[in-house]
Amino acid sequence: MDSVYFREKLFATILYGFRTIKKPATVTVHPELMMQIRDQFKDTQIAPKYIGGVEMFFGLPVIEDSTKDKDYIVVG
């Protein structure tokens, strides 16, 4: 994802996923994109957090999948 409007694009993607998936269970992200997310959102309330040994983002467990494109993020 481009750095211009990075947060807005990320919010739109996550919220669209919540709207279209009836029972969202996970957020699947490319590891490099997850590193950008951690950097952009550190010290904010919506930053990814570890709860019980599992990284959570927007209340869903994060799955890092390096086989996908570098800008891949999906709520599933």
Protein backbone atom coordinates (compact mmCIF):
# COMPACT_ATOMS: atom_id res chain seq x y z
CA MET A 1 0.00 0.00 0.00
CA ASP A 2 1.19 3.47 -0.73
CA SER A 3 2.08 5.67 2.22
CA VAL A 4 -0.37 8.35 1.00
CA TYR A 5 -3.63 7.74 2.84
CA PHE A 6 -2.22 4.47 4.23
CA ARG A 7 -4.36 4.58 7.37
CA GLU A 8 -7.52 5.52 5.49
CA LYS A 9 -7.07 2.69 2.98
CA LEU A 10 -6.43 0.25 5.80
CA PHE A 11 -9.53 1.37 7.72
CA ALA A 12 -11.66 1.11 4.58
CA THR A 13 -10.41 -2.42 3.90
CA ILE A 14 -11.04 -3.62 7.45
CA LEU A 15 -14.46 -1.99 7.73
CA TYR A 16 -15.51 -3.33 4.33
CA GLY A 17 -14.45 -6.80 5.49
CA PHE A 18 -16.51 -6.47 8.66
CA ARG A 19 -19.50 -5.38 6.58
CA THR A 20 -19.33 -8.19 4.01
CA ILE A 21 -18.31 -11.13 6.23
CA LYS A 22 -21.10 -12.32 8.53
CA LYS A 23 -18.84 -13.79 11.21
CA PRO A 24 -15.30 -12.46 10.75
CA ALA A 25 -12.72 -14.70 12.36
CA THR A 26 -9.26 -13.51 11.27
CA VAL A 27 -7.27 -10.81 9.53
CA THR A 28 -4.82 -12.27 7.00
CA VAL A 29 -1.93 -9.96 6.12
CA HIS A 30 1.39 -10.16 4.29
CA PRO A 31 4.22 -9.93 6.88
CA GLU A 32 5.77 -6.81 5.30
CA LEU A 33 2.41 -5.02 5.35
CA MET A 34 1.95 -6.05 8.99
CA MET A 35 5.31 -4.46 9.81
CA GLN A 36 4.09 -1.21 8.19
CA ILE A 37 0.86 -1.43 10.20
CA ARG A 38 2.79 -1.89 13.44
CA ASP A 39 5.00 1.11 12.62
CA GLN A 40 2.11 3.37 11.59
CA PHE A 41 -0.13 2.54 14.54
CA LYS A 42 2.37 2.17 17.38
CA ASP A 43 1.35 4.14 20.46
CA THR A 44 -2.30 4.34 19.31
CA GLN A 45 -5.33 2.61 20.75
CA ILE A 46 -5.99 0.64 17.58
CA ALA A 47 -2.45 -0.71 17.29
CA PRO A 48 -2.08 -4.48 16.97
CA LYS A 49 -1.79 -6.00 20.44
CA TYR A 50 -0.77 -9.37 21.83
CA ILE A 51 -3.47 -11.01 23.93
CA GLY A 52 -2.79 -14.47 25.27
CA GLY A 53 0.14 -14.96 22.91
CA VAL A 54 -1.94 -14.10 19.81
CA GLU A 55 -1.57 -10.85 17.90
CA MET A 56 -4.93 -9.10 17.57
CA PHE A 57 -5.89 -6.29 15.18
CA PHE A 58 -9.36 -4.75 15.23
CA GLY A 59 -10.35 -7.51 17.66
CA LEU A 60 -9.42 -10.35 15.31
CA PRO A 61 -6.41 -12.68 15.37
CA VAL A 62 -3.75 -11.88 12.77
CA ILE A 63 -2.49 -14.49 10.33
CA GLU A 64 0.67 -13.50 8.46
CA ASP A 65 0.86 -15.16 5.03
CA SER A 66 4.02 -14.50 3.03
CA THR A 67 2.70 -16.37 -0.04
CA LYS A 68 0.32 -13.47 -0.85
CA ASP A 69 1.09 -10.12 -2.51
CA LYS A 70 2.91 -7.51 -0.44
CA ASP A 71 -0.22 -5.35 -0.15
CA TYR A 72 -2.53 -8.27 0.74
CA ILE A 73 -4.94 -7.83 3.63
CA VAL A 74 -8.32 -9.53 4.05
CA VAL A 75 -10.87 -10.07 6.80
CA GLY A 76 -12.06 -13.66 6.71
